[in-house]
Amino acid sequence: MDGLREMLMRRARAVWQRRWIALATAWLLCLGGWYGVMAIPNTYEANARLYVDADAVLTPLLRGVGLDNSVPSELDILQRTLLSRPNLQKLIAKTDLDLQLQGPADRERMVARLQTEIRVVPQTRNLFTISYRNVNPKLALDVVQNILTTFVESKIGNNRSDMENAGSFIQGQIDKYETQLRDAERKRAEFRVKYLDLLPADGGGVSHYEQATANLKQLQGRLEDVLARRDSLSKELLTTPPLLVTETNAGGGGGGGGGGGGANAARITAAQQHLAELRLKYTDDYPEVRQMIQMIQALKSGSIGTPDAAPSAPRAPTGPSTRSVPNPVYEQLKVRLVENEGVIGSLQRQITDAQQERNKLEEIARSAPGLQAEFTNLNRDYDVVRRNYDELLARREQMRISAAADSDANQVKMQIVDPPQMPQTPVSPQRIVLLSGVLVAGIAAGVALSLMLGEIDSSFQNIDDLRSLGLPVIGGISVIASVVPLWKRVVQVGSVSAAFVVLCVIYGGLVWRLYAQGIA
């Protein structure tokens, strides 16, 4: 503790011995620093606040229909493009900044400086501030005003430019895909025409080859049914008698004629009944119906007679006799058998044609084993091109809707909350802080200089310093305070204090002046 106190006392004595050097240093630094601080030009800041938000009604309506023009994305784009080189060059040309330029190099330096000095600071999600500082308050106002105007115009201009560029690109892609789509459709159509009989229909139906195979199976099935029907009719015809035996009374010649007329009428009646049954099932164009109609007409005209229809001489009655008449059922079976034979012939001819068609298509299919795979590849390429083409058309329509919403309606609302005003009070420099710093630095520099001079001083301060040389010290003479007059000590202390007070008074005067001017 004694050592620390001794060291502090020694430092204090060193400063006091060189007090005028310390005061002179402090005065020089303070006066020079204060002059420099007061000579710094005032810097003024102009700012404006802008509010941007999406339309509360239009934006939800366009979601999923138009392009995504959300507020954050638009603000991000505007902030990046606002301080671009072309915009800043326009800003320099519109303001007095152009008067400060001496050549292209100055213009480039000013553009680079403006990119850092102009600040666009988001305060909230939808509110942000544009600010700029300059020594000329009017110039600061003009810069912020032009930046704000450029900001609002950029929103419209960038959207229109982006829409035009996107429209040109999409239209070019649509034209390319349209050419590819037509080429794919042409190849697909040519392939389908070449192998039409082997390919399925567009709607997912069967091919001609499959249809021909199914038709052949159907005809063969019908033929089997008709053959079975013919066999059944043949068996039934064998068991049906061709003639029916009837009894008649003996009488004159007129009686014989009457018997023949009665048999013919019975045949006509039976044929008419069978014709009525056939008409319940078929039309008059059916072969069996036509044959029955012809047979009835022949019976009525007498072209089909009975074995006993010939005239004979009158005979004496000899009693009951029998006679034979044609069996109408037998006639019907024969007619139906003839019809079946005709149907069998027709089906056999159709089956032959169907087999030839099926064989021809089968031969074509064998000659092109990779036909289905090639057609699948063509369809896949066509589907890809078609899907991309339809998607591009949908994107083009979305872009048109967005362009209409951007030009005809105000999807994003922009409102200037605080317009820029002429700055009246400088924002820098902070002169009071700087003046105070200069005062502290000046005093500290004076004290430090005194201490440094004390450290390099080679004189001895006390007997201990002398003994540190290793030489014997007989004794020392101390300064007697009473030898120095009191008034002289007062003058020394008062002069130093007065010099320091005057320095502080100058500092206070400068601070008061700043407050009086309102630029503190």
Protein backbone atom coordinates (compact mmCIF):
# COMPACT_ATOMS: atom_id res chain seq x y z
CA MET A 1 0.00 0.00 0.00
CA ASP A 2 2.86 2.40 0.87
CA GLY A 3 4.48 1.60 -2.44
CA LEU A 4 1.28 2.39 -4.36
CA ARG A 5 0.84 5.64 -2.47
CA GLU A 6 4.44 6.58 -3.12
CA MET A 7 4.02 5.84 -6.82
CA LEU A 8 0.87 7.96 -7.05
CA MET A 9 2.52 10.81 -5.21
CA ARG A 10 5.46 10.62 -7.53
CA ARG A 11 3.18 10.75 -10.63
CA ALA A 12 1.31 13.70 -9.12
CA ARG A 13 4.52 15.58 -8.46
CA ALA A 14 5.66 14.91 -12.03
CA VAL A 15 2.41 16.32 -13.43
CA TRP A 16 2.50 19.31 -11.11
CA GLN A 17 6.10 20.13 -12.01
CA ARG A 18 5.05 20.17 -15.70
CA ARG A 19 1.60 21.68 -15.20
CA TRP A 20 2.03 24.39 -17.78
CA ILE A 21 3.08 21.88 -20.40
CA ALA A 22 -0.05 19.86 -19.61
CA LEU A 23 -2.26 22.98 -19.76
CA ALA A 24 -0.68 24.16 -23.00
CA THR A 25 -1.21 20.74 -24.58
CA ALA A 26 -4.81 20.61 -23.40
CA TRP A 27 -5.48 24.14 -24.70
CA LEU A 28 -3.96 23.45 -28.10
CA LEU A 29 -5.80 20.17 -28.58
CA CYS A 30 -9.12 21.50 -27.30
CA LEU A 31 -9.05 24.70 -29.35
CA GLY A 32 -8.01 22.85 -32.50
CA GLY A 33 -10.51 20.05 -31.95
CA TRP A 34 -13.36 22.42 -31.14
CA TYR A 35 -12.65 24.43 -34.25
CA GLY A 36 -12.71 21.27 -36.31
CA VAL A 37 -15.97 20.12 -34.73
CA MET A 38 -17.64 23.47 -35.35
CA ALA A 39 -16.35 23.44 -38.92
CA ILE A 40 -18.00 20.08 -39.74
CA PRO A 41 -20.96 20.80 -42.02
CA ASN A 42 -24.43 19.84 -40.84
CA THR A 43 -25.98 16.75 -42.36
CA TYR A 44 -29.75 16.69 -42.92
CA GLU A 45 -31.91 13.62 -43.37
CA ALA A 46 -35.11 13.45 -45.40
CA ASN A 47 -37.31 10.39 -45.11
CA ALA A 48 -40.71 9.08 -46.13
CA ARG A 49 -42.81 6.15 -45.02
CA LEU A 50 -44.73 3.98 -47.48
CA TYR A 51 -47.45 1.43 -46.73
CA VAL A 52 -48.02 -1.47 -49.12
CA ASP A 53 -50.73 -4.09 -48.74
CA ALA A 54 -52.74 -6.47 -50.88
CA ASP A 55 -56.34 -5.79 -51.84
CA ALA A 56 -58.53 -7.57 -49.29
CA VAL A 57 -61.16 -8.56 -51.89
CA LEU A 58 -59.32 -8.93 -55.20
CA THR A 59 -56.35 -10.94 -53.93
CA PRO A 60 -58.43 -13.87 -52.52
CA LEU A 61 -60.51 -13.92 -55.71
CA LEU A 62 -57.41 -14.24 -57.90
CA ARG A 63 -55.76 -16.89 -55.73
CA GLY A 64 -55.34 -19.99 -57.87
CA VAL A 65 -56.49 -18.13 -61.01
CA GLY A 66 -53.90 -15.41 -61.56
CA LEU A 67 -50.19 -15.36 -60.86
CA ASP A 68 -48.91 -15.02 -57.31
CA ASN A 69 -48.31 -11.29 -56.73
CA SER A 70 -47.96 -11.41 -52.97
CA VAL A 71 -46.85 -8.31 -51.11
CA PRO A 72 -43.60 -9.77 -49.67
CA SER A 73 -42.42 -10.94 -53.08
CA GLU A 74 -43.23 -7.58 -54.70
CA LEU A 75 -41.46 -5.65 -51.93
CA ASP A 76 -38.42 -7.86 -52.24
CA ILE A 77 -38.27 -7.29 -55.98
CA LEU A 78 -38.83 -3.54 -55.64
CA GLN A 79 -36.13 -3.15 -53.01
CA ARG A 80 -33.63 -4.99 -55.18
CA THR A 81 -34.46 -3.09 -58.35
CA LEU A 82 -35.02 0.35 -56.81
CA LEU A 83 -31.32 1.07 -56.23
CA SER A 84 -30.19 -0.38 -59.53
CA ARG A 85 -27.68 1.55 -61.61
CA PRO A 86 -30.20 2.78 -64.25
CA ASN A 87 -32.55 4.11 -61.56
CA LEU A 88 -29.74 5.89 -59.74
CA GLN A 89 -28.45 7.44 -62.95
CA LYS A 90 -31.94 8.79 -63.61
CA LEU A 91 -32.03 10.10 -60.04
CA ILE A 92 -28.72 11.96 -60.53
CA ALA A 93 -30.02 13.52 -63.74
CA LYS A 94 -33.27 14.70 -62.11
CA THR A 95 -31.64 16.34 -59.06
CA ASP A 96 -28.81 18.78 -58.35
CA LEU A 97 -26.44 15.87 -57.83
CA ASP A 98 -25.58 16.22 -61.49
CA LEU A 99 -23.94 19.58 -60.75
CA GLN A 100 -21.33 17.90 -58.55
CA LEU A 101 -20.03 15.69 -61.34
CA GLN A 102 -16.85 16.46 -63.27
CA GLY A 103 -16.71 13.37 -65.43
CA PRO A 104 -17.72 9.71 -65.86
CA ALA A 105 -15.49 8.66 -62.94
CA ASP A 106 -17.34 11.02 -60.61
CA ARG A 107 -20.65 9.60 -61.83
CA GLU A 108 -19.57 6.05 -61.06
CA ARG A 109 -18.37 7.02 -57.60
CA MET A 110 -21.61 8.86 -56.89
CA VAL A 111 -23.70 5.90 -58.03
CA ALA A 112 -21.74 3.61 -55.72
CA ARG A 113 -22.10 6.10 -52.86
CA LEU A 114 -25.84 6.50 -53.37
CA GLN A 115 -26.31 2.73 -53.26
CA THR A 116 -25.01 2.78 -49.69
CA GLU A 117 -26.40 6.14 -48.55
CA ILE A 118 -30.01 5.64 -49.71
CA ARG A 119 -31.66 3.26 -47.28
CA VAL A 120 -34.89 1.33 -47.67
CA VAL A 121 -35.62 -0.08 -44.22
CA PRO A 122 -38.69 -2.30 -43.56
CA GLN A 123 -40.29 -1.38 -40.24
CA THR A 124 -43.07 -3.94 -40.35
CA ARG A 125 -44.35 -6.45 -42.88
CA ASN A 126 -46.13 -3.75 -44.89
CA LEU A 127 -44.50 -0.50 -43.70
CA PHE A 128 -41.02 0.67 -44.61
CA THR A 129 -38.99 3.89 -44.67
CA ILE A 130 -36.94 5.53 -47.43
CA SER A 131 -34.24 7.89 -46.10
CA TYR A 132 -31.26 9.85 -47.42
CA ARG A 133 -28.74 12.22 -45.78
CA ASN A 134 -26.99 15.22 -47.32
CA VAL A 135 -25.48 18.52 -46.24
CA ASN A 136 -28.05 20.28 -48.40
CA PRO A 137 -31.55 19.80 -46.92
CA LYS A 138 -33.29 20.61 -50.22
CA LEU A 139 -31.14 18.09 -52.07
CA ALA A 140 -31.94 15.45 -49.46
CA LEU A 141 -35.65 16.19 -49.92
CA ASP A 142 -35.39 16.00 -53.72
CA VAL A 143 -33.57 12.67 -53.60
CA VAL A 144 -36.16 11.06 -51.32
CA GLN A 145 -39.02 12.49 -53.36
CA ASN A 146 -37.58 11.12 -56.61
CA ILE A 147 -36.83 7.76 -55.00
CA LEU A 148 -40.44 7.58 -53.78
CA THR A 149 -41.75 8.44 -57.24
CA THR A 150 -39.46 5.87 -58.82
CA PHE A 151 -40.60 3.30 -56.26
CA VAL A 152 -44.27 3.78 -57.15
CA GLU A 153 -43.59 3.85 -60.88
CA SER A 154 -41.34 0.80 -60.69
CA LYS A 155 -44.20 -1.24 -59.32
CA ILE A 156 -46.25 -0.58 -62.44
CA GLY A 157 -43.36 -0.52 -64.87
CA ASN A 158 -41.73 -3.69 -63.57
CA ASN A 159 -45.01 -5.57 -63.59
CA ARG A 160 -45.77 -4.55 -67.15
CA SER A 161 -42.24 -5.31 -68.29
CA ASP A 162 -42.30 -8.67 -66.53
CA MET A 163 -45.69 -9.46 -68.02
CA GLU A 164 -44.47 -8.61 -71.52
CA ASN A 165 -41.30 -10.66 -71.13
CA ALA A 166 -43.20 -13.60 -69.66
CA GLY A 167 -45.85 -13.32 -72.37
CA SER A 168 -43.23 -13.36 -75.12
CA PHE A 169 -41.48 -16.35 -73.58
CA ILE A 170 -44.69 -18.33 -73.03
CA GLN A 171 -45.96 -17.55 -76.53
CA GLY A 172 -42.65 -18.73 -78.00
CA GLN A 173 -42.86 -21.95 -76.02
CA ILE A 174 -46.48 -22.42 -77.09
CA ASP A 175 -45.48 -22.04 -80.74
CA LYS A 176 -42.72 -24.63 -80.31
CA TYR A 177 -44.98 -27.09 -78.54
CA GLU A 178 -47.71 -26.51 -81.10
CA THR A 179 -45.28 -27.52 -83.86
CA GLN A 180 -44.23 -30.59 -81.86
CA LEU A 181 -47.88 -31.42 -81.15
CA ARG A 182 -48.81 -31.26 -84.80
CA ASP A 183 -45.84 -33.44 -85.73
CA ALA A 184 -46.78 -35.98 -83.04
CA GLU A 185 -50.42 -35.96 -84.21
CA ARG A 186 -49.32 -36.49 -87.82
CA LYS A 187 -47.08 -39.45 -86.91
CA ARG A 188 -49.80 -40.91 -84.74
CA ALA A 189 -52.42 -40.53 -87.48
CA GLU A 190 -50.14 -42.05 -90.14
CA PHE A 191 -49.36 -45.00 -87.89
CA ARG A 192 -53.04 -45.49 -87.10
CA VAL A 193 -54.03 -45.37 -90.79
CA LYS A 194 -51.30 -47.89 -91.64
CA TYR A 195 -52.32 -50.32 -88.90
CA LEU A 196 -55.94 -49.30 -88.47
CA ASP A 197 -57.26 -52.85 -88.38
CA LEU A 198 -54.86 -53.92 -85.61
CA LEU A 199 -55.08 -50.92 -83.28
CA PRO A 200 -57.80 -50.25 -80.74
CA ALA A 201 -60.10 -47.28 -81.12
CA ASP A 202 -59.30 -43.95 -79.44
CA GLY A 203 -62.14 -44.39 -77.00
CA GLY A 204 -60.68 -47.63 -75.67
CA GLY A 205 -62.68 -49.99 -77.95
CA VAL A 206 -61.51 -53.19 -79.59
CA SER A 207 -59.45 -53.38 -82.78
CA HIS A 208 -60.71 -54.68 -86.11
CA TYR A 209 -58.72 -57.87 -85.59
CA GLU A 210 -60.40 -58.53 -82.26
CA GLN A 211 -63.75 -57.61 -83.75
CA ALA A 212 -63.20 -59.97 -86.70
CA THR A 213 -62.26 -62.80 -84.31
CA ALA A 214 -65.36 -62.18 -82.21
CA ASN A 215 -67.57 -62.01 -85.34
CA LEU A 216 -66.18 -65.32 -86.57
CA LYS A 217 -66.95 -66.99 -83.26
CA GLN A 218 -70.47 -65.54 -83.32
CA LEU A 219 -71.13 -66.83 -86.86
CA GLN A 220 -69.81 -70.27 -85.95
CA GLY A 221 -72.12 -70.35 -82.97
CA ARG A 222 -75.12 -69.36 -85.09
CA LEU A 223 -74.21 -72.07 -87.63
CA GLU A 224 -74.12 -74.68 -84.90
CA ASP A 225 -77.57 -73.56 -83.74
CA VAL A 226 -79.01 -73.70 -87.28
CA LEU A 227 -77.47 -77.13 -87.94
CA ALA A 228 -79.03 -78.42 -84.74
CA ARG A 229 -82.38 -76.96 -85.80
CA ARG A 230 -82.06 -78.62 -89.25
CA ASP A 231 -81.36 -82.01 -87.69
CA SER A 232 -84.37 -81.60 -85.46
CA LEU A 233 -86.60 -80.68 -88.43
CA SER A 234 -85.29 -83.64 -90.46
CA LYS A 235 -86.10 -86.06 -87.64
CA GLU A 236 -89.56 -84.53 -87.25
CA LEU A 237 -90.16 -84.68 -91.02
CA LEU A 238 -89.35 -88.39 -91.07
CA THR A 239 -91.99 -89.07 -88.42
CA THR A 240 -94.67 -86.90 -90.07
CA PRO A 241 -96.91 -88.58 -92.78
CA PRO A 242 -97.14 -86.63 -96.02
CA LEU A 243 -100.87 -87.57 -96.54
CA LEU A 244 -103.93 -87.71 -94.32
CA VAL A 245 -106.70 -90.34 -94.90
CA THR A 246 -110.34 -89.14 -94.63
CA GLU A 247 -113.72 -90.92 -95.05
CA THR A 248 -116.39 -89.72 -97.54
CA ASN A 249 -120.01 -90.82 -98.34
CA ALA A 250 -120.78 -92.43 -101.76
CA GLY A 251 -122.78 -90.26 -104.05
CA GLY A 252 -123.08 -88.83 -107.53
CA GLY A 253 -120.52 -87.02 -109.55
CA GLY A 254 -121.43 -83.85 -107.77
CA GLY A 255 -120.62 -85.58 -104.50
CA GLY A 256 -117.11 -86.38 -105.69
CA GLY A 257 -116.58 -82.77 -106.68
CA GLY A 258 -117.97 -81.65 -103.36
CA GLY A 259 -115.55 -83.96 -101.49
CA GLY A 260 -112.59 -82.51 -103.42
CA GLY A 261 -113.73 -78.97 -102.66
CA GLY A 262 -114.05 -79.75 -98.92
CA ALA A 263 -110.51 -81.12 -98.71
CA ASN A 264 -109.10 -78.07 -100.47
CA ALA A 265 -110.95 -75.74 -98.10
CA ALA A 266 -109.52 -77.63 -95.10
CA ARG A 267 -105.99 -77.21 -96.48
CA ILE A 268 -106.58 -73.49 -97.02
CA THR A 269 -107.90 -73.12 -93.47
CA ALA A 270 -104.91 -74.95 -91.95
CA ALA A 271 -102.47 -72.90 -94.04
CA GLN A 272 -104.13 -69.63 -92.99
CA GLN A 273 -103.91 -70.65 -89.31
CA HIS A 274 -100.19 -71.42 -89.66
CA LEU A 275 -99.67 -68.09 -91.47
CA ALA A 276 -101.31 -66.27 -88.59
CA GLU A 277 -98.96 -68.00 -86.14
CA LEU A 278 -95.93 -67.03 -88.25
CA ARG A 279 -97.01 -63.39 -88.47
CA LEU A 280 -97.04 -63.25 -84.68
CA LYS A 281 -93.29 -63.96 -84.75
CA TYR A 282 -92.04 -62.59 -88.10
CA THR A 283 -92.82 -59.94 -90.72
CA ASP A 284 -94.19 -60.55 -94.21
CA ASP A 285 -90.64 -60.41 -95.62
CA TYR A 286 -89.60 -63.52 -93.72
CA PRO A 287 -89.04 -66.40 -96.20
CA GLU A 288 -91.33 -68.84 -94.43
CA VAL A 289 -94.13 -66.25 -94.31
CA ARG A 290 -93.75 -65.53 -98.02
CA GLN A 291 -93.87 -69.24 -98.86
CA MET A 292 -97.03 -69.72 -96.82
CA ILE A 293 -98.66 -66.77 -98.56
CA GLN A 294 -97.74 -68.23 -101.97
CA MET A 295 -99.07 -71.66 -101.00
CA ILE A 296 -102.40 -70.17 -99.82
CA GLN A 297 -102.75 -68.28 -103.11
CA ALA A 298 -102.01 -71.50 -105.05
CA LEU A 299 -104.63 -73.44 -103.08
CA LYS A 300 -107.22 -70.75 -103.69
CA SER A 301 -106.50 -70.67 -107.42
CA GLY A 302 -106.69 -74.46 -107.69
CA SER A 303 -103.14 -74.94 -109.03
CA ILE A 304 -102.54 -77.42 -106.17
CA GLY A 305 -105.14 -80.09 -106.41
CA THR A 306 -106.04 -83.31 -104.66
CA PRO A 307 -105.63 -86.84 -106.09
CA ASP A 308 -109.39 -87.27 -106.38
CA ALA A 309 -110.11 -83.86 -107.85
CA ALA A 310 -110.49 -85.17 -111.46
CA PRO A 311 -114.13 -85.31 -112.76
CA SER A 312 -115.68 -88.77 -113.09
CA ALA A 313 -118.89 -90.17 -114.37
CA PRO A 314 -121.75 -90.48 -111.95
CA ARG A 315 -121.68 -93.65 -110.00
CA ALA A 316 -124.26 -95.39 -108.05
CA PRO A 317 -123.86 -95.11 -104.35
CA THR A 318 -121.75 -97.89 -103.02
CA GLY A 319 -121.41 -96.82 -99.32
CA PRO A 320 -118.65 -95.05 -97.31
CA SER A 321 -115.15 -94.70 -98.91
CA THR A 322 -111.67 -93.31 -97.88
CA ARG A 323 -109.48 -90.73 -99.58
CA SER A 324 -106.00 -89.26 -98.97
CA VAL A 325 -105.23 -85.50 -98.66
CA PRO A 326 -101.85 -83.70 -98.24
CA ASN A 327 -100.74 -83.16 -94.63
CA PRO A 328 -100.26 -79.35 -94.04
CA VAL A 329 -97.86 -80.00 -91.13
CA TYR A 330 -95.66 -82.05 -93.40
CA GLU A 331 -95.69 -79.21 -95.95
CA GLN A 332 -94.74 -76.70 -93.24
CA LEU A 333 -91.85 -78.86 -92.04
CA LYS A 334 -90.56 -79.13 -95.57
CA VAL A 335 -90.76 -75.36 -96.00
CA ARG A 336 -88.93 -74.73 -92.74
CA LEU A 337 -86.30 -77.32 -93.66
CA VAL A 338 -85.71 -75.56 -96.96
CA GLU A 339 -85.37 -72.25 -95.11
CA ASN A 340 -82.80 -73.72 -92.71
CA GLU A 341 -80.79 -75.02 -95.62
CA GLY A 342 -80.73 -71.51 -97.07
CA VAL A 343 -79.66 -70.02 -93.69
CA ILE A 344 -76.94 -72.68 -93.40
CA GLY A 345 -75.57 -71.77 -96.79
CA SER A 346 -75.60 -68.06 -95.95
CA LEU A 347 -73.83 -68.63 -92.62
CA GLN A 348 -71.21 -70.87 -94.24
CA ARG A 349 -70.47 -68.16 -96.79
CA GLN A 350 -70.23 -65.51 -94.03
CA ILE A 351 -67.94 -67.74 -91.97
CA THR A 352 -65.67 -68.22 -94.97
CA ASP A 353 -65.44 -64.46 -95.50
CA ALA A 354 -64.87 -63.85 -91.77
CA GLN A 355 -62.09 -66.47 -91.69
CA GLN A 356 -60.38 -64.85 -94.65
CA GLU A 357 -60.60 -61.41 -92.99
CA ARG A 358 -59.32 -62.78 -89.68
CA ASN A 359 -56.45 -64.60 -91.37
CA LYS A 360 -55.45 -61.47 -93.28
CA LEU A 361 -55.36 -59.35 -90.11
CA GLU A 362 -53.50 -62.10 -88.25
CA GLU A 363 -50.87 -62.19 -90.96
CA ILE A 364 -50.43 -58.40 -90.71
CA ALA A 365 -50.11 -58.65 -86.94
CA ARG A 366 -47.42 -61.35 -87.24
CA SER A 367 -45.44 -59.20 -89.66
CA ALA A 368 -45.28 -56.34 -87.09
CA PRO A 369 -44.54 -57.94 -83.68
CA GLY A 370 -43.56 -54.59 -82.00
CA LEU A 371 -46.65 -52.81 -83.23
CA GLN A 372 -48.30 -52.28 -79.85
CA ALA A 373 -45.05 -51.13 -78.21
CA GLU A 374 -44.40 -48.61 -80.98
CA PHE A 375 -47.95 -47.32 -80.76
CA THR A 376 -47.58 -46.99 -76.96
CA ASN A 377 -44.39 -44.94 -77.41
CA LEU A 378 -46.14 -42.68 -79.91
CA ASN A 379 -49.03 -42.20 -77.52
CA ARG A 380 -46.68 -41.46 -74.61
CA ASP A 381 -44.77 -38.82 -76.58
CA TYR A 382 -48.03 -37.32 -77.75
CA ASP A 383 -49.45 -37.23 -74.20
CA VAL A 384 -46.32 -35.49 -72.84
CA VAL A 385 -46.35 -32.83 -75.54
CA ARG A 386 -50.09 -32.38 -75.19
CA ARG A 387 -49.90 -32.01 -71.39
CA ASN A 388 -47.12 -29.40 -71.62
CA TYR A 389 -48.98 -27.56 -74.34
CA ASP A 390 -52.20 -27.43 -72.30
CA GLU A 391 -50.26 -26.28 -69.22
CA LEU A 392 -48.63 -23.47 -71.18
CA LEU A 393 -52.02 -22.38 -72.47
CA ALA A 394 -53.33 -22.33 -68.89
CA ARG A 395 -50.30 -20.29 -67.76
CA ARG A 396 -50.89 -17.81 -70.56
CA GLU A 397 -54.48 -17.33 -69.46
CA GLN A 398 -53.35 -16.86 -65.84
CA MET A 399 -50.85 -14.25 -67.00
CA ARG A 400 -53.56 -12.41 -68.95
CA ILE A 401 -55.85 -12.38 -65.93
CA SER A 402 -53.02 -11.11 -63.72
CA ALA A 403 -52.13 -8.43 -66.27
CA ALA A 404 -55.75 -7.32 -66.40
CA ALA A 405 -55.94 -7.25 -62.61
CA ASP A 406 -52.71 -5.25 -62.42
CA SER A 407 -53.71 -2.67 -65.05
CA ASP A 408 -57.47 -2.42 -64.63
CA ALA A 409 -57.60 -3.05 -60.88
CA ASN A 410 -55.24 -2.16 -58.08
CA GLN A 411 -54.36 -5.52 -56.62
CA VAL A 412 -51.56 -4.11 -54.44
CA LYS A 413 -52.38 -0.86 -52.65
CA MET A 414 -49.56 1.62 -52.05
CA GLN A 415 -50.11 4.55 -49.68
CA ILE A 416 -47.62 7.24 -48.64
CA VAL A 417 -48.05 7.45 -44.88
CA ASP A 418 -45.48 10.22 -44.25
CA PRO A 419 -44.49 12.24 -47.32
CA PRO A 420 -40.95 13.68 -47.34
CA GLN A 421 -40.54 17.08 -45.68
CA MET A 422 -37.81 19.70 -45.78
CA PRO A 423 -35.48 18.78 -42.86
CA GLN A 424 -34.95 21.67 -40.43
CA THR A 425 -32.69 20.07 -37.83
CA PRO A 426 -29.44 18.31 -38.73
CA VAL A 427 -29.07 14.72 -37.69
CA SER A 428 -25.27 14.87 -37.60
CA PRO A 429 -22.70 15.59 -36.38
CA GLN A 430 -23.41 15.20 -32.66
CA ARG A 431 -21.44 18.30 -31.78
CA ILE A 432 -22.00 18.27 -28.00
CA VAL A 433 -20.70 14.71 -27.82
CA LEU A 434 -17.76 15.63 -30.02
CA LEU A 435 -16.97 18.81 -28.01
CA SER A 436 -17.07 16.84 -24.78
CA GLY A 437 -14.84 14.19 -26.27
CA VAL A 438 -12.34 16.82 -27.41
CA LEU A 439 -12.26 18.34 -23.89
CA VAL A 440 -11.63 14.99 -22.23
CA ALA A 441 -9.07 14.03 -24.86
CA GLY A 442 -7.21 17.35 -24.49
CA ILE A 443 -6.95 17.09 -20.69
CA ALA A 444 -5.97 13.43 -20.92
CA ALA A 445 -3.34 14.25 -23.52
CA GLY A 446 -1.84 17.01 -21.34
CA VAL A 447 -1.63 14.73 -18.30
CA ALA A 448 -0.20 11.89 -20.40
CA LEU A 449 2.45 14.19 -21.83
CA SER A 450 3.46 15.34 -18.35
CA LEU A 451 3.72 11.76 -17.15
CA MET A 452 5.72 10.74 -20.18
CA LEU A 453 8.17 13.62 -19.65
CA GLY A 454 8.42 12.63 -15.99
CA GLU A 455 9.31 9.08 -16.96
CA ILE A 456 12.11 10.15 -19.26
CA ASP A 457 13.44 12.69 -16.73
CA SER A 458 16.86 11.50 -15.39
CA SER A 459 16.85 13.64 -12.25
CA PHE A 460 16.46 12.15 -8.77
CA GLN A 461 13.26 12.77 -6.92
CA ASN A 462 14.33 11.51 -3.51
CA ILE A 463 17.16 9.82 -1.58
CA ASP A 464 15.86 6.34 -2.49
CA ASP A 465 16.36 7.09 -6.18
CA LEU A 466 19.91 8.18 -5.41
CA ARG A 467 20.63 5.07 -3.35
CA SER A 468 19.43 2.92 -6.23
CA LEU A 469 22.70 3.74 -7.97
CA GLY A 470 24.59 1.66 -5.36
CA LEU A 471 26.58 4.57 -4.03
CA PRO A 472 26.72 5.58 -0.37
CA VAL A 473 24.45 8.51 0.44
CA ILE A 474 25.49 10.68 3.40
CA GLY A 475 22.18 12.63 3.60
CA GLY A 476 19.68 14.89 1.87
CA ILE A 477 18.20 18.36 2.22
CA SER A 478 14.41 18.63 1.95
CA VAL A 479 12.57 21.67 0.72
CA ILE A 480 11.15 23.63 3.57
CA ALA A 481 7.62 24.70 2.73
CA SER A 482 7.85 27.75 4.90
CA VAL A 483 10.65 29.15 2.74
CA VAL A 484 8.18 29.60 -0.23
CA PRO A 485 5.79 32.46 0.50
CA LEU A 486 2.09 31.57 0.79
CA TRP A 487 0.99 34.15 -1.74
CA LYS A 488 3.31 32.60 -4.30
CA ARG A 489 1.83 29.13 -3.73
CA VAL A 490 -1.69 30.61 -4.04
CA VAL A 491 -0.78 32.31 -7.28
CA GLN A 492 0.61 29.09 -8.69
CA VAL A 493 -2.52 27.10 -7.81
CA GLY A 494 -4.84 29.92 -8.86
CA SER A 495 -3.20 30.39 -12.23
CA VAL A 496 -3.45 26.71 -13.04
CA SER A 497 -7.07 26.60 -11.87
CA ALA A 498 -7.91 29.75 -13.83
CA ALA A 499 -6.45 28.31 -17.02
CA PHE A 500 -8.49 25.11 -16.56
CA VAL A 501 -11.67 27.05 -15.70
CA VAL A 502 -11.31 29.29 -18.75
CA LEU A 503 -10.97 26.17 -20.88
CA CYS A 504 -14.17 24.77 -19.38
CA VAL A 505 -15.93 28.13 -19.87
CA ILE A 506 -15.06 28.07 -23.58
CA TYR A 507 -16.52 24.54 -23.75
CA GLY A 508 -19.68 25.70 -21.99
CA GLY A 509 -20.04 28.66 -24.32
CA LEU A 510 -19.85 26.45 -27.36
CA VAL A 511 -22.45 24.09 -25.94
CA TRP A 512 -24.76 26.99 -25.08
CA ARG A 513 -24.39 28.35 -28.60
CA LEU A 514 -25.39 25.00 -30.08
CA TYR A 515 -28.47 24.84 -27.90
CA ALA A 516 -29.31 28.41 -28.79
CA GLN A 517 -29.13 27.62 -32.51
CA GLY A 518 -31.19 24.47 -32.02
CA ILE A 519 -28.64 22.23 -33.74
CA ALA A 520 -27.37 20.42 -30.67
